[in-house]
Amino acid sequence: MSEAARVPRPYVGAAQNAPTGVDGGQFCAELEGKEIVVFIIGMRINRLRRVSSWWPVARSMRRMLEELQGRPDAGLLGARSFWSGRMLLTIQYWRSLEQLGAYARDGKLAHAPMWGAFNRRTAATADVGIFHETYTVRADQIETLYGNMPPFGLAAAQRAVPRSVRARSHAGERLGQNDPEYVRS
């Protein structure tokens, strides 16, 4: 059976049944380049009543993302923010660690002045917790899979392709994952 003719049995008919904005079926991200930088950044509200401490921090992330969306040359491929309880979290995908670092240190752009203001006004109060994690991952070590989803994650940051075009990555093979049962479409 050819690769293009394979459709996982649970997804037969999903393309026709998907609601507006949802890619029906199974998709993978088609990645550009040899690596992706995954940057997870966020804050925790430690004292809810200290709005004057945490509100500027929360607003600054939105302003930085808006700035980056207007600068495609900066290297940000995509970002998504989530709110859960006292935590605000943003997952970002970058073209390179060098571009992420250049943005963070550029005093003419939003991040460096906002970081300085946080350190001067808020850090010592402990009203707000902040964190970030940075991962540089080789493209051949990344596995992506999206079933009946709107563009999301790396597929939204780069490009989604039907799973039959990029049947699971080699990362899945290394993890010992088996493909589900397939049928001809």
Protein backbone atom coordinates (compact mmCIF):
# COMPACT_ATOMS: atom_id res chain seq x y z
CA MET A 1 0.00 0.00 0.00
CA SER A 2 1.46 3.40 -0.94
CA GLU A 3 2.16 5.96 1.78
CA ALA A 4 -0.38 8.40 0.28
CA ALA A 5 -3.13 5.74 0.35
CA ARG A 6 -2.85 5.06 4.08
CA VAL A 7 -5.39 6.54 6.49
CA PRO A 8 -5.62 5.44 10.13
CA ARG A 9 -8.97 3.66 10.56
CA PRO A 10 -10.29 5.92 13.35
CA TYR A 11 -9.90 8.99 11.11
CA VAL A 12 -11.68 7.71 7.98
CA GLY A 13 -14.32 10.36 7.20
CA ALA A 14 -12.94 12.96 9.63
CA ALA A 15 -12.01 15.43 6.88
CA GLN A 16 -15.63 15.59 5.73
CA ASN A 17 -17.05 15.78 9.27
CA ALA A 18 -14.68 18.35 10.81
CA PRO A 19 -16.19 21.65 11.97
CA THR A 20 -15.00 24.93 10.49
CA GLY A 21 -11.43 25.74 11.52
CA VAL A 22 -10.55 22.14 12.38
CA ASP A 23 -8.26 20.07 10.18
CA GLY A 24 -10.09 16.73 10.07
CA GLY A 25 -7.79 13.73 10.07
CA GLN A 26 -4.27 13.22 11.30
CA PHE A 27 -1.51 15.75 10.67
CA CYS A 28 2.15 16.25 11.49
CA ALA A 29 4.27 19.39 11.51
CA GLU A 30 6.59 19.86 8.59
CA LEU A 31 9.67 21.40 10.15
CA GLU A 32 12.04 23.86 8.53
CA GLY A 33 15.70 23.64 9.38
CA LYS A 34 17.73 21.23 11.44
CA GLU A 35 16.48 22.27 14.89
CA ILE A 36 13.75 24.10 16.76
CA VAL A 37 14.09 26.11 19.95
CA VAL A 38 11.20 25.57 22.35
CA PHE A 39 10.96 28.39 24.87
CA ILE A 40 8.49 28.07 27.75
CA ILE A 41 8.04 31.26 29.72
CA GLY A 42 5.57 32.25 32.36
CA MET A 43 4.63 33.79 35.63
CA ARG A 44 2.83 32.82 38.81
CA ILE A 45 0.73 35.26 40.82
CA ASN A 46 1.91 34.72 44.38
CA ARG A 47 -0.25 37.45 45.94
CA LEU A 48 -3.59 37.94 44.19
CA ARG A 49 -4.31 41.28 45.86
CA ARG A 50 -1.05 42.82 44.64
CA VAL A 51 -2.47 43.59 41.20
CA SER A 52 -0.01 46.48 40.78
CA SER A 53 2.81 43.90 40.91
CA TRP A 54 1.49 41.15 38.66
CA TRP A 55 -0.64 43.02 36.12
CA PRO A 56 2.33 44.78 34.44
CA VAL A 57 4.14 41.43 34.14
CA ALA A 58 1.10 39.77 32.53
CA ARG A 59 0.59 42.69 30.14
CA SER A 60 4.24 42.77 29.14
CA MET A 61 4.09 39.27 27.63
CA ARG A 62 1.25 40.31 25.34
CA ARG A 63 3.16 43.44 24.27
CA MET A 64 6.32 41.45 23.54
CA LEU A 65 4.41 38.89 21.45
CA GLU A 66 2.70 41.66 19.48
CA GLU A 67 6.09 43.26 18.87
CA LEU A 68 7.54 39.94 17.67
CA GLN A 69 4.60 39.27 15.34
CA GLY A 70 5.49 42.52 13.58
CA ARG A 71 9.11 41.41 13.18
CA PRO A 72 9.23 38.09 11.29
CA ASP A 73 13.01 38.48 10.95
CA ALA A 74 13.36 38.24 14.76
CA GLY A 75 13.08 34.45 14.64
CA LEU A 76 9.85 33.71 16.52
CA LEU A 77 7.99 31.02 14.58
CA GLY A 78 4.88 30.89 16.75
CA ALA A 79 3.54 31.23 20.27
CA ARG A 80 0.52 30.21 22.33
CA SER A 81 -0.44 31.42 25.81
CA PHE A 82 -2.38 29.58 28.49
CA TRP A 83 -3.89 30.66 31.82
CA SER A 84 -4.45 28.15 34.62
CA GLY A 85 -5.25 29.25 38.15
CA ARG A 86 -2.45 31.60 39.20
CA MET A 87 -0.19 30.66 36.28
CA LEU A 88 0.25 32.33 32.91
CA LEU A 89 2.33 30.25 30.49
CA THR A 90 3.48 30.92 26.94
CA ILE A 91 5.03 28.29 24.70
CA GLN A 92 7.16 29.80 21.96
CA TYR A 93 8.93 28.21 19.00
CA TRP A 94 12.07 29.95 17.70
CA ARG A 95 14.23 29.45 14.63
CA SER A 96 17.46 29.59 16.67
CA LEU A 97 18.86 30.10 20.15
CA GLU A 98 20.91 33.01 18.81
CA GLN A 99 17.77 34.84 17.62
CA LEU A 100 16.01 34.26 20.95
CA GLY A 101 19.04 35.63 22.81
CA ALA A 102 19.39 38.61 20.48
CA TYR A 103 15.76 39.57 21.06
CA ALA A 104 16.07 39.18 24.84
CA ARG A 105 19.15 41.46 25.03
CA ASP A 106 18.19 44.18 22.51
CA GLY A 107 17.62 47.34 24.56
CA LYS A 108 15.63 48.95 21.72
CA LEU A 109 12.99 46.22 21.86
CA ALA A 110 10.43 45.52 24.60
CA HIS A 111 11.97 42.62 26.54
CA ALA A 112 15.17 44.15 27.95
CA PRO A 113 13.51 47.32 29.36
CA MET A 114 10.60 45.29 30.78
CA TRP A 115 13.01 42.82 32.37
CA GLY A 116 14.93 45.71 33.94
CA ALA A 117 11.70 47.26 35.28
CA PHE A 118 10.66 43.91 36.77
CA ASN A 119 14.03 43.54 38.50
CA ARG A 120 13.88 47.08 39.92
CA ARG A 121 10.23 47.16 41.03
CA THR A 122 8.88 43.66 41.53
CA ALA A 123 11.45 40.89 41.93
CA ALA A 124 12.26 41.60 45.59
CA THR A 125 8.57 41.73 46.60
CA ALA A 126 8.01 38.05 45.69
CA ASP A 127 4.47 39.03 44.65
CA VAL A 128 5.12 37.41 41.27
CA GLY A 129 7.08 34.31 40.36
CA ILE A 130 8.63 34.03 36.90
CA PHE A 131 10.21 31.16 35.01
CA HIS A 132 11.49 30.06 31.65
CA GLU A 133 12.84 26.87 30.14
CA THR A 134 14.69 26.67 26.84
CA TYR A 135 15.15 23.52 24.78
CA THR A 136 17.03 23.20 21.50
CA VAL A 137 15.80 20.08 19.75
CA ARG A 138 17.11 18.56 16.53
CA ALA A 139 14.31 18.22 13.98
CA ASP A 140 14.95 14.48 13.61
CA GLN A 141 14.22 14.05 17.33
CA ILE A 142 10.81 15.69 17.16
CA GLU A 143 7.59 13.79 16.70
CA THR A 144 4.35 15.64 16.14
CA LEU A 145 0.85 14.29 15.71
CA TYR A 146 -2.43 16.20 15.61
CA GLY A 147 -5.82 14.52 15.21
CA ASN A 148 -8.88 16.62 14.39
CA MET A 149 -7.26 19.84 15.62
CA PRO A 150 -7.11 23.42 14.41
CA PRO A 151 -3.54 24.52 13.67
CA PHE A 152 -1.66 24.09 16.96
CA GLY A 153 1.86 23.83 18.35
CA LEU A 154 4.66 23.27 15.88
CA ALA A 155 2.14 22.67 13.08
CA ALA A 156 0.81 26.21 13.59
CA ALA A 157 4.31 27.65 13.97
CA GLN A 158 5.60 25.92 10.83
CA ARG A 159 3.20 24.02 8.57
CA ALA A 160 0.79 21.11 8.99
CA VAL A 161 0.90 18.26 6.50
CA PRO A 162 -1.32 15.18 6.36
CA ARG A 163 0.16 12.28 8.25
CA SER A 164 0.27 10.23 5.06
CA VAL A 165 2.73 12.77 3.59
CA ARG A 166 5.03 12.70 6.61
CA ALA A 167 4.11 9.43 8.25
CA ARG A 168 5.38 9.65 11.80
CA SER A 169 8.90 10.80 12.38
CA HIS A 170 11.88 8.66 13.18
CA ALA A 171 11.48 9.78 16.79
CA GLY A 172 8.39 7.55 17.00
CA GLU A 173 10.38 4.60 15.73
CA ARG A 174 13.11 5.23 18.32
CA LEU A 175 10.43 5.34 21.03
CA GLY A 176 9.16 1.96 19.89
CA GLN A 177 5.75 3.33 18.87
CA ASN A 178 3.74 1.32 16.40
CA ASP A 179 1.38 2.76 13.82
CA PRO A 180 -2.28 1.98 14.42
CA GLU A 181 -4.22 -0.18 12.03
CA TYR A 182 -4.50 1.36 8.55
CA VAL A 183 -7.04 0.99 5.78
CA ARG A 184 -7.09 2.23 2.20
CA SER A 185 -8.83 5.58 1.87
